[in-house]
Amino acid sequence: MTDDSHRPPGTVRPSRFVPHLHWELLACGVSGHRLVGMDAKRLRGEDAILVRELDGLRWYRCLRCDSWVPLPPPESPAREVPPDRDEIELPLRGRALRDKIVLRAIAIDRAIHFVFFGVLSAALFLFASHEVRVRDLVYRIVNGIEGTSGNPSHRHQTGLLHSLLHVAELKSSTLYAVAAAAAAYGVLEGVEAVGLWLQRRWAEYLTFVATCVFLPYEIYELSRSVTPLKIVAFAINIAIAAYLLWAKRLFGVRGGAEADERERRRDLGWDALERTAPRAGAPTAAAPPAGA
């Protein structure tokens, strides 16, 4: 029986309700196909895994998504034959490609947090060091918006005005403590971002633990007031934690790191290309025309 999870992308009929996302097709749609041998004068038998000639056309196989692209032979070939295998750098496929895309998306999210908390920390430190002047400026801004005078009360204020007034009334020692906490959290987010971008295993554990630690606080905030921003942030963090635990097999889940690495290796290398290549003489499926 054929293992459908390792057949060429686009050849497996998706589940009716849970279609499978082919990361290879997504990557090729963004950056284009990875074709080799387009500048070769002639083909050899061992090149059939990469390029084949039929009825005056050459069918080039994308090394990432397995699409076969028909093109005419080159008019002015730059080399005699396609490159040997040791000259070709294979692109990521399968789970390795999925992990790179998802982990880097999480890394971007963490980098945004790093910038936000860095700016917040700097602002709070500046506020604490010029507390009297900044407090007076905040009061003038609020009074100007409300059309009142004197020391404004924020007992009935909500939103941005409430937040500004609340910060303005904090003691310098409290402001310094909050600024230090924001700076520490920003550094943590920055470390996560770098580690995830480089696809380090320790960063996956760090991100999972840090995300789960703050979930109770997010639930508490949602219990106080529900806003679209809070819901989106909570949903994103739940999705990140679930992906890291289940798909990346943290803490030994689903076989742990060994099973994860075994699945990644199965999708990579020349063995994977040979396993998913059509037999010699079999028709190939052409890639859809550009813009289709």
C-alpha atoms as a PDB file:
ATOM      1  CA  MET A   1       0.000   0.000   0.000  1.00  0.00           C
ATOM      2  CA  THR A   2       1.336   3.448  -0.922  1.00  0.00           C
ATOM      3  CA  ASP A   3       1.937   5.919   1.880  1.00  0.00           C
ATOM      4  CA  ASP A   4      -0.085   8.924   0.672  1.00  0.00           C
ATOM      5  CA  SER A   5       1.726  11.276   3.066  1.00  0.00           C
ATOM      6  CA  HIS A   6       4.905  10.871   1.025  1.00  0.00           C
ATOM      7  CA  ARG A   7       3.532  10.988  -2.510  1.00  0.00           C
ATOM      8  CA  PRO A   8       4.292  13.995  -4.742  1.00  0.00           C
ATOM      9  CA  PRO A   9       2.403  17.157  -3.741  1.00  0.00           C
ATOM     10  CA  GLY A  10      -0.752  17.645  -5.779  1.00  0.00           C
ATOM     11  CA  THR A  11      -1.229  13.923  -6.529  1.00  0.00           C
ATOM     12  CA  VAL A  12      -3.064  13.016  -3.319  1.00  0.00           C
ATOM     13  CA  ARG A  13      -6.776  13.760  -3.095  1.00  0.00           C
ATOM     14  CA  PRO A  14      -7.316  15.817   0.079  1.00  0.00           C
ATOM     15  CA  SER A  15      -9.701  14.841   2.820  1.00  0.00           C
ATOM     16  CA  ARG A  16     -13.188  16.199   2.285  1.00  0.00           C
ATOM     17  CA  PHE A  17     -13.222  18.283   5.444  1.00  0.00           C
ATOM     18  CA  VAL A  18      -9.511  18.628   6.316  1.00  0.00           C
ATOM     19  CA  PRO A  19      -7.565  19.380   3.123  1.00  0.00           C
ATOM     20  CA  HIS A  20      -3.794  18.970   3.384  1.00  0.00           C
ATOM     21  CA  LEU A  21      -1.675  22.074   2.899  1.00  0.00           C
ATOM     22  CA  HIS A  22       1.288  21.385   0.614  1.00  0.00           C
ATOM     23  CA  TRP A  23       4.034  23.701   1.771  1.00  0.00           C
ATOM     24  CA  GLU A  24       6.078  22.937  -1.347  1.00  0.00           C
ATOM     25  CA  LEU A  25       3.399  24.356  -3.627  1.00  0.00           C
ATOM     26  CA  LEU A  26       3.096  27.416  -1.395  1.00  0.00           C
ATOM     27  CA  ALA A  27       6.861  28.030  -1.468  1.00  0.00           C
ATOM     28  CA  CYS A  28       7.045  27.568  -5.241  1.00  0.00           C
ATOM     29  CA  GLY A  29       4.110  29.905  -5.716  1.00  0.00           C
ATOM     30  CA  VAL A  30       6.063  32.600  -3.862  1.00  0.00           C
ATOM     31  CA  SER A  31       9.644  32.019  -5.046  1.00  0.00           C
ATOM     32  CA  GLY A  32       9.223  29.959  -8.212  1.00  0.00           C
ATOM     33  CA  HIS A  33      10.142  26.386  -9.148  1.00  0.00           C
ATOM     34  CA  ARG A  34      13.597  24.947  -8.557  1.00  0.00           C
ATOM     35  CA  LEU A  35      14.623  23.493 -11.946  1.00  0.00           C
ATOM     36  CA  VAL A  36      18.073  22.241 -12.979  1.00  0.00           C
ATOM     37  CA  GLY A  37      19.635  21.324 -16.299  1.00  0.00           C
ATOM     38  CA  MET A  38      17.868  23.998 -18.362  1.00  0.00           C
ATOM     39  CA  ASP A  39      21.211  25.037 -19.881  1.00  0.00           C
ATOM     40  CA  ALA A  40      22.392  21.506 -20.785  1.00  0.00           C
ATOM     41  CA  LYS A  41      23.029  20.440 -24.372  1.00  0.00           C
ATOM     42  CA  ARG A  42      22.136  16.782 -23.911  1.00  0.00           C
ATOM     43  CA  LEU A  43      20.640  14.505 -21.277  1.00  0.00           C
ATOM     44  CA  ARG A  44      21.966  11.302 -19.742  1.00  0.00           C
ATOM     45  CA  GLY A  45      20.096   8.322 -18.439  1.00  0.00           C
ATOM     46  CA  GLU A  46      20.792   9.231 -14.827  1.00  0.00           C
ATOM     47  CA  ASP A  47      19.217  12.655 -15.410  1.00  0.00           C
ATOM     48  CA  ALA A  48      15.721  11.141 -15.763  1.00  0.00           C
ATOM     49  CA  ILE A  49      14.987  11.892 -12.124  1.00  0.00           C
ATOM     50  CA  LEU A  50      15.438  15.612 -12.901  1.00  0.00           C
ATOM     51  CA  VAL A  51      14.640  16.180 -16.563  1.00  0.00           C
ATOM     52  CA  ARG A  52      13.230  14.097 -19.427  1.00  0.00           C
ATOM     53  CA  GLU A  53      12.792  14.709 -23.133  1.00  0.00           C
ATOM     54  CA  LEU A  54       9.615  13.799 -25.000  1.00  0.00           C
ATOM     55  CA  ASP A  55       8.367  14.865 -28.451  1.00  0.00           C
ATOM     56  CA  GLY A  56      10.811  17.739 -28.754  1.00  0.00           C
ATOM     57  CA  LEU A  57      10.095  19.122 -25.279  1.00  0.00           C
ATOM     58  CA  ARG A  58      12.070  18.760 -22.101  1.00  0.00           C
ATOM     59  CA  TRP A  59      10.152  18.162 -18.905  1.00  0.00           C
ATOM     60  CA  TYR A  60      11.977  19.658 -15.940  1.00  0.00           C
ATOM     61  CA  ARG A  61      11.122  18.450 -12.474  1.00  0.00           C
ATOM     62  CA  CYS A  62      10.867  20.973  -9.677  1.00  0.00           C
ATOM     63  CA  LEU A  63      13.101  19.740  -6.887  1.00  0.00           C
ATOM     64  CA  ARG A  64      10.780  21.233  -4.291  1.00  0.00           C
ATOM     65  CA  CYS A  65       7.165  20.539  -5.316  1.00  0.00           C
ATOM     66  CA  ASP A  66       7.613  17.743  -7.926  1.00  0.00           C
ATOM     67  CA  SER A  67       5.797  19.653 -10.685  1.00  0.00           C
ATOM     68  CA  TRP A  68       7.036  18.851 -14.215  1.00  0.00           C
ATOM     69  CA  VAL A  69       7.477  21.974 -16.346  1.00  0.00           C
ATOM     70  CA  PRO A  70       7.645  21.570 -20.177  1.00  0.00           C
ATOM     71  CA  LEU A  71      10.173  23.807 -21.929  1.00  0.00           C
ATOM     72  CA  PRO A  72      11.951  23.648 -25.295  1.00  0.00           C
ATOM     73  CA  PRO A  73      15.630  22.603 -25.298  1.00  0.00           C
ATOM     74  CA  PRO A  74      18.035  25.544 -24.865  1.00  0.00           C
ATOM     75  CA  GLU A  75      19.059  27.297 -28.104  1.00  0.00           C
ATOM     76  CA  SER A  76      22.514  28.150 -26.729  1.00  0.00           C
ATOM     77  CA  PRO A  77      23.393  25.555 -24.065  1.00  0.00           C
ATOM     78  CA  ALA A  78      26.035  26.646 -21.575  1.00  0.00           C
ATOM     79  CA  ARG A  79      27.102  23.157 -20.554  1.00  0.00           C
ATOM     80  CA  GLU A  80      27.248  19.689 -22.064  1.00  0.00           C
ATOM     81  CA  VAL A  81      25.101  17.821 -19.511  1.00  0.00           C
ATOM     82  CA  PRO A  82      23.046  18.677 -16.393  1.00  0.00           C
ATOM     83  CA  PRO A  83      24.993  19.030 -13.141  1.00  0.00           C
ATOM     84  CA  ASP A  84      25.856  15.934 -11.128  1.00  0.00           C
ATOM     85  CA  ARG A  85      24.086  15.295  -7.867  1.00  0.00           C
ATOM     86  CA  ASP A  86      26.969  16.538  -5.735  1.00  0.00           C
ATOM     87  CA  GLU A  87      26.743  19.901  -7.536  1.00  0.00           C
ATOM     88  CA  ILE A  88      23.038  20.392  -6.748  1.00  0.00           C
ATOM     89  CA  GLU A  89      21.800  21.937  -3.526  1.00  0.00           C
ATOM     90  CA  LEU A  90      18.417  20.386  -2.834  1.00  0.00           C
ATOM     91  CA  PRO A  91      15.703  22.674  -1.443  1.00  0.00           C
ATOM     92  CA  LEU A  92      13.751  21.843   1.690  1.00  0.00           C
ATOM     93  CA  ARG A  93      10.657  19.693   1.253  1.00  0.00           C
ATOM     94  CA  GLY A  94       7.961  18.125   3.382  1.00  0.00           C
ATOM     95  CA  ARG A  95       8.149  18.531   7.136  1.00  0.00           C
ATOM     96  CA  ALA A  96      11.486  20.354   7.013  1.00  0.00           C
ATOM     97  CA  LEU A  97       9.974  23.047   4.795  1.00  0.00           C
ATOM     98  CA  ARG A  98       6.821  23.234   6.919  1.00  0.00           C
ATOM     99  CA  ASP A  99       8.872  23.677  10.080  1.00  0.00           C
ATOM    100  CA  LYS A 100      10.983  26.418   8.526  1.00  0.00           C
ATOM    101  CA  ILE A 101       7.948  28.399   7.378  1.00  0.00           C
ATOM    102  CA  VAL A 102       5.958  28.018  10.596  1.00  0.00           C
ATOM    103  CA  LEU A 103       8.880  28.585  12.967  1.00  0.00           C
ATOM    104  CA  ARG A 104       9.946  31.700  11.096  1.00  0.00           C
ATOM    105  CA  ALA A 105       6.382  33.008  11.194  1.00  0.00           C
ATOM    106  CA  ILE A 106       6.437  32.546  14.981  1.00  0.00           C
ATOM    107  CA  ALA A 107       9.872  34.193  15.076  1.00  0.00           C
ATOM    108  CA  ILE A 108       8.451  37.259  13.308  1.00  0.00           C
ATOM    109  CA  ASP A 109       5.637  37.395  15.864  1.00  0.00           C
ATOM    110  CA  ARG A 110       8.206  37.255  18.678  1.00  0.00           C
ATOM    111  CA  ALA A 111      10.353  39.909  16.992  1.00  0.00           C
ATOM    112  CA  ILE A 112       7.354  42.252  16.919  1.00  0.00           C
ATOM    113  CA  HIS A 113       6.894  41.627  20.656  1.00  0.00           C
ATOM    114  CA  PHE A 114      10.597  42.344  21.187  1.00  0.00           C
ATOM    115  CA  VAL A 115      10.318  45.732  19.475  1.00  0.00           C
ATOM    116  CA  PHE A 116       7.087  46.625  21.279  1.00  0.00           C
ATOM    117  CA  PHE A 117       8.358  45.800  24.777  1.00  0.00           C
ATOM    118  CA  GLY A 118      11.689  47.438  24.032  1.00  0.00           C
ATOM    119  CA  VAL A 119       9.957  50.706  23.120  1.00  0.00           C
ATOM    120  CA  LEU A 120       7.609  50.381  26.110  1.00  0.00           C
ATOM    121  CA  SER A 121      10.525  49.797  28.482  1.00  0.00           C
ATOM    122  CA  ALA A 122      12.445  52.801  27.141  1.00  0.00           C
ATOM    123  CA  ALA A 123       9.345  54.988  27.439  1.00  0.00           C
ATOM    124  CA  LEU A 124       8.732  53.905  31.042  1.00  0.00           C
ATOM    125  CA  PHE A 125      12.345  54.502  32.031  1.00  0.00           C
ATOM    126  CA  LEU A 126      12.145  57.961  30.465  1.00  0.00           C
ATOM    127  CA  PHE A 127       8.836  58.606  32.222  1.00  0.00           C
ATOM    128  CA  ALA A 128      10.249  57.559  35.599  1.00  0.00           C
ATOM    129  CA  SER A 129      13.322  59.790  35.233  1.00  0.00           C
ATOM    130  CA  HIS A 130      11.169  62.850  34.367  1.00  0.00           C
ATOM    131  CA  GLU A 131       8.111  61.941  36.403  1.00  0.00           C
ATOM    132  CA  VAL A 132       6.876  65.404  37.416  1.00  0.00           C
ATOM    133  CA  ARG A 133       7.158  67.017  33.988  1.00  0.00           C
ATOM    134  CA  VAL A 134       5.653  64.012  32.175  1.00  0.00           C
ATOM    135  CA  ARG A 135       2.772  63.776  34.654  1.00  0.00           C
ATOM    136  CA  ASP A 136       1.983  67.444  34.142  1.00  0.00           C
ATOM    137  CA  LEU A 137       2.083  66.932  30.360  1.00  0.00           C
ATOM    138  CA  VAL A 138      -0.317  63.967  30.610  1.00  0.00           C
ATOM    139  CA  TYR A 139      -2.750  65.993  32.720  1.00  0.00           C
ATOM    140  CA  ARG A 140      -2.697  68.839  30.188  1.00  0.00           C
ATOM    141  CA  ILE A 141      -3.332  66.411  27.317  1.00  0.00           C
ATOM    142  CA  VAL A 142      -6.271  64.768  29.087  1.00  0.00           C
ATOM    143  CA  ASN A 143      -7.717  68.121  30.144  1.00  0.00           C
ATOM    144  CA  GLY A 144      -7.408  69.365  26.579  1.00  0.00           C
ATOM    145  CA  ILE A 145      -9.267  66.331  25.252  1.00  0.00           C
ATOM    146  CA  GLU A 146     -11.993  66.498  27.914  1.00  0.00           C
ATOM    147  CA  GLY A 147     -12.232  70.285  27.938  1.00  0.00           C
ATOM    148  CA  THR A 148     -11.715  70.437  31.704  1.00  0.00           C
ATOM    149  CA  SER A 149      -9.088  71.935  33.979  1.00  0.00           C
ATOM    150  CA  GLY A 150      -7.229  70.843  37.067  1.00  0.00           C
ATOM    151  CA  ASN A 151      -6.243  67.348  38.091  1.00  0.00           C
ATOM    152  CA  PRO A 152      -8.449  64.989  36.040  1.00  0.00           C
ATOM    153  CA  SER A 153     -10.112  62.014  37.623  1.00  0.00           C
ATOM    154  CA  HIS A 154     -10.115  58.707  35.775  1.00  0.00           C
ATOM    155  CA  ARG A 155     -12.679  56.892  37.855  1.00  0.00           C
ATOM    156  CA  HIS A 156     -14.971  56.614  34.866  1.00  0.00           C
ATOM    157  CA  GLN A 157     -12.376  56.660  32.131  1.00  0.00           C
ATOM    158  CA  THR A 158     -11.628  53.694  29.907  1.00  0.00           C
ATOM    159  CA  GLY A 159      -9.283  52.963  27.068  1.00  0.00           C
ATOM    160  CA  LEU A 160      -6.190  55.039  26.296  1.00  0.00           C
ATOM    161  CA  LEU A 161      -7.021  57.956  28.592  1.00  0.00           C
ATOM    162  CA  HIS A 162      -7.478  55.630  31.528  1.00  0.00           C
ATOM    163  CA  SER A 163      -4.135  53.947  30.798  1.00  0.00           C
ATOM    164  CA  LEU A 164      -2.281  57.277  30.522  1.00  0.00           C
ATOM    165  CA  LEU A 165      -3.719  58.558  33.783  1.00  0.00           C
ATOM    166  CA  HIS A 166      -3.028  55.311  35.571  1.00  0.00           C
ATOM    167  CA  VAL A 167       0.634  55.327  34.484  1.00  0.00           C
ATOM    168  CA  ALA A 168       0.979  59.013  35.389  1.00  0.00           C
ATOM    169  CA  GLU A 169      -0.061  58.312  38.978  1.00  0.00           C
ATOM    170  CA  LEU A 170       2.388  55.472  39.575  1.00  0.00           C
ATOM    171  CA  LYS A 171       5.387  56.029  41.837  1.00  0.00           C
ATOM    172  CA  SER A 172       8.854  56.274  40.318  1.00  0.00           C
ATOM    173  CA  SER A 173       9.912  53.024  41.978  1.00  0.00           C
ATOM    174  CA  THR A 174       6.915  51.226  40.470  1.00  0.00           C
ATOM    175  CA  LEU A 175       7.628  52.685  37.035  1.00  0.00           C
ATOM    176  CA  TYR A 176      11.239  51.508  37.187  1.00  0.00           C
ATOM    177  CA  ALA A 177      10.097  48.019  38.205  1.00  0.00           C
ATOM    178  CA  VAL A 178       7.556  47.821  35.398  1.00  0.00           C
ATOM    179  CA  ALA A 179      10.126  49.130  32.901  1.00  0.00           C
ATOM    180  CA  ALA A 180      12.646  46.503  34.014  1.00  0.00           C
ATOM    181  CA  ALA A 181      10.027  43.766  33.697  1.00  0.00           C
ATOM    182  CA  ALA A 182       9.099  44.953  30.198  1.00  0.00           C
ATOM    183  CA  ALA A 183      12.773  45.008  29.225  1.00  0.00           C
ATOM    184  CA  ALA A 184      13.314  41.480  30.556  1.00  0.00           C
ATOM    185  CA  TYR A 185      10.264  40.174  28.707  1.00  0.00           C
ATOM    186  CA  GLY A 186      11.422  41.931  25.542  1.00  0.00           C
ATOM    187  CA  VAL A 187      14.813  40.245  25.792  1.00  0.00           C
ATOM    188  CA  LEU A 188      13.099  36.890  26.266  1.00  0.00           C
ATOM    189  CA  GLU A 189      11.014  37.468  23.145  1.00  0.00           C
ATOM    190  CA  GLY A 190      14.128  38.503  21.232  1.00  0.00           C
ATOM    191  CA  VAL A 191      15.970  35.333  22.232  1.00  0.00           C
ATOM    192  CA  GLU A 192      12.967  33.265  21.157  1.00  0.00           C
ATOM    193  CA  ALA A 193      12.843  35.068  17.806  1.00  0.00           C
ATOM    194  CA  VAL A 194      16.520  34.439  17.035  1.00  0.00           C
ATOM    195  CA  GLY A 195      16.395  30.797  18.127  1.00  0.00           C
ATOM    196  CA  LEU A 196      13.229  30.038  16.171  1.00  0.00           C
ATOM    197  CA  TRP A 197      14.553  31.777  13.040  1.00  0.00           C
ATOM    198  CA  LEU A 198      17.618  29.514  13.249  1.00  0.00           C
ATOM    199  CA  GLN A 199      15.342  26.525  13.988  1.00  0.00           C
ATOM    200  CA  ARG A 200      17.005  25.579  17.259  1.00  0.00           C
ATOM    201  CA  ARG A 201      15.356  22.898  19.385  1.00  0.00           C
ATOM    202  CA  TRP A 202      15.993  24.774  22.634  1.00  0.00           C
ATOM    203  CA  ALA A 203      14.085  27.771  21.243  1.00  0.00           C
ATOM    204  CA  GLU A 204      11.036  25.582  20.629  1.00  0.00           C
ATOM    205  CA  TYR A 205      11.032  24.498  24.291  1.00  0.00           C
ATOM    206  CA  LEU A 206      11.639  28.068  25.485  1.00  0.00           C
ATOM    207  CA  THR A 207       8.811  29.420  23.349  1.00  0.00           C
ATOM    208  CA  PHE A 208       6.398  26.698  24.459  1.00  0.00           C
ATOM    209  CA  VAL A 209       7.103  27.242  28.159  1.00  0.00           C
ATOM    210  CA  ALA A 210       7.007  31.052  27.894  1.00  0.00           C
ATOM    211  CA  THR A 211       3.743  30.922  25.940  1.00  0.00           C
ATOM    212  CA  CYS A 212       2.059  28.557  28.393  1.00  0.00           C
ATOM    213  CA  VAL A 213       3.201  30.569  31.431  1.00  0.00           C
ATOM    214  CA  PHE A 214       1.352  33.656  30.184  1.00  0.00           C
ATOM    215  CA  LEU A 215      -1.832  31.867  29.081  1.00  0.00           C
ATOM    216  CA  PRO A 216      -3.463  32.094  32.563  1.00  0.00           C
ATOM    217  CA  TYR A 217      -2.887  35.861  32.549  1.00  0.00           C
ATOM    218  CA  GLU A 218      -4.483  36.135  29.105  1.00  0.00           C
ATOM    219  CA  ILE A 219      -7.469  34.118  30.334  1.00  0.00           C
ATOM    220  CA  TYR A 220      -7.761  36.478  33.323  1.00  0.00           C
ATOM    221  CA  GLU A 221      -7.684  39.502  31.010  1.00  0.00           C
ATOM    222  CA  LEU A 222     -10.401  37.958  28.844  1.00  0.00           C
ATOM    223  CA  SER A 223     -12.529  37.373  31.940  1.00  0.00           C
ATOM    224  CA  ARG A 224     -12.329  41.097  32.712  1.00  0.00           C
ATOM    225  CA  SER A 225     -13.098  42.354  29.210  1.00  0.00           C
ATOM    226  CA  VAL A 226     -13.318  40.763  25.777  1.00  0.00           C
ATOM    227  CA  THR A 227     -11.860  42.619  22.807  1.00  0.00           C
ATOM    228  CA  PRO A 228     -11.001  41.412  19.290  1.00  0.00           C
ATOM    229  CA  LEU A 229      -7.279  42.047  19.942  1.00  0.00           C
ATOM    230  CA  LYS A 230      -7.293  39.922  23.095  1.00  0.00           C
ATOM    231  CA  ILE A 231      -9.149  37.107  21.339  1.00  0.00           C
ATOM    232  CA  VAL A 232      -6.743  37.101  18.391  1.00  0.00           C
ATOM    233  CA  ALA A 233      -3.679  37.181  20.645  1.00  0.00           C
ATOM    234  CA  PHE A 234      -5.028  34.348  22.783  1.00  0.00           C
ATOM    235  CA  ALA A 235      -5.911  32.231  19.729  1.00  0.00           C
ATOM    236  CA  ILE A 236      -2.441  32.768  18.222  1.00  0.00           C
ATOM    237  CA  ASN A 237      -0.704  31.708  21.434  1.00  0.00           C
ATOM    238  CA  ILE A 238      -2.902  28.618  21.755  1.00  0.00           C
ATOM    239  CA  ALA A 239      -2.085  27.676  18.150  1.00  0.00           C
ATOM    240  CA  ILE A 240       1.649  28.204  18.728  1.00  0.00           C
ATOM    241  CA  ALA A 241       1.665  26.058  21.858  1.00  0.00           C
ATOM    242  CA  ALA A 242      -0.354  23.298  20.171  1.00  0.00           C
ATOM    243  CA  TYR A 243       1.906  23.286  17.098  1.00  0.00           C
ATOM    244  CA  LEU A 244       5.114  23.109  19.131  1.00  0.00           C
ATOM    245  CA  LEU A 245       3.805  20.354  21.379  1.00  0.00           C
ATOM    246  CA  TRP A 246       2.157  18.185  18.721  1.00  0.00           C
ATOM    247  CA  ALA A 247       3.902  18.847  15.408  1.00  0.00           C
ATOM    248  CA  LYS A 248       7.387  19.351  16.889  1.00  0.00           C
ATOM    249  CA  ARG A 249       6.929  16.520  19.376  1.00  0.00           C
ATOM    250  CA  LEU A 250       8.208  18.342  22.458  1.00  0.00           C
ATOM    251  CA  PHE A 251       8.625  16.490  25.768  1.00  0.00           C
ATOM    252  CA  GLY A 252       8.582  13.120  24.012  1.00  0.00           C
ATOM    253  CA  VAL A 253       5.103  13.546  22.521  1.00  0.00           C
ATOM    254  CA  ARG A 254       4.571  11.274  19.466  1.00  0.00           C
ATOM    255  CA  GLY A 255       8.070   9.834  19.703  1.00  0.00           C
ATOM    256  CA  GLY A 256       9.904  13.019  20.595  1.00  0.00           C
ATOM    257  CA  ALA A 257      12.915  14.510  18.823  1.00  0.00           C
ATOM    258  CA  GLU A 258      14.047  11.198  17.307  1.00  0.00           C
ATOM    259  CA  ALA A 259      10.718  10.670  15.536  1.00  0.00           C
ATOM    260  CA  ASP A 260      10.697  14.287  14.398  1.00  0.00           C
ATOM    261  CA  GLU A 261      14.174  14.006  12.887  1.00  0.00           C
ATOM    262  CA  ARG A 262      13.331  10.667  11.284  1.00  0.00           C
ATOM    263  CA  GLU A 263      10.284  12.147   9.547  1.00  0.00           C
ATOM    264  CA  ARG A 264      12.284  15.157   8.387  1.00  0.00           C
ATOM    265  CA  ARG A 265      15.006  12.958   6.886  1.00  0.00           C
ATOM    266  CA  ARG A 266      12.404  10.882   5.072  1.00  0.00           C
ATOM    267  CA  ASP A 267      11.216  13.954   3.159  1.00  0.00           C
ATOM    268  CA  LEU A 268      14.709  15.157   2.232  1.00  0.00           C
ATOM    269  CA  GLY A 269      17.564  14.030   0.004  1.00  0.00           C
ATOM    270  CA  TRP A 270      17.853  12.084  -3.204  1.00  0.00           C
ATOM    271  CA  ASP A 271      16.137   9.040  -1.728  1.00  0.00           C
ATOM    272  CA  ALA A 272      12.937  11.089  -1.342  1.00  0.00           C
ATOM    273  CA  LEU A 273      13.207  12.323  -4.934  1.00  0.00           C
ATOM    274  CA  GLU A 274      13.737   8.812  -6.264  1.00  0.00           C
ATOM    275  CA  ARG A 275      10.856   7.443  -4.213  1.00  0.00           C
ATOM    276  CA  THR A 276       8.396  10.016  -5.586  1.00  0.00           C
ATOM    277  CA  ALA A 277       9.652  10.097  -9.197  1.00  0.00           C
ATOM    278  CA  PRO A 278       7.446   8.539 -11.908  1.00  0.00           C
ATOM    279  CA  ARG A 279       8.914   5.492 -13.592  1.00  0.00           C
ATOM    280  CA  ALA A 280      10.782   5.984 -16.829  1.00  0.00           C
ATOM    281  CA  GLY A 281       8.447   6.449 -19.790  1.00  0.00           C
ATOM    282  CA  ALA A 282       5.475   7.336 -17.578  1.00  0.00           C
ATOM    283  CA  PRO A 283       3.604  10.523 -18.467  1.00  0.00           C
ATOM    284  CA  THR A 284       4.248  13.521 -16.281  1.00  0.00           C
ATOM    285  CA  ALA A 285       1.819  16.136 -15.032  1.00  0.00           C
ATOM    286  CA  ALA A 286       2.581  19.587 -16.373  1.00  0.00           C
ATOM    287  CA  ALA A 287       2.713  22.521 -14.026  1.00  0.00           C
ATOM    288  CA  PRO A 288      -0.177  24.977 -14.411  1.00  0.00           C
ATOM    289  CA  PRO A 289       0.600  27.974 -16.590  1.00  0.00           C
ATOM    290  CA  ALA A 290       1.680  31.155 -14.862  1.00  0.00           C
ATOM    291  CA  GLY A 291      -1.247  33.128 -13.516  1.00  0.00           C
ATOM    292  CA  ALA A 292      -3.639  30.184 -13.699  1.00  0.00           C
END
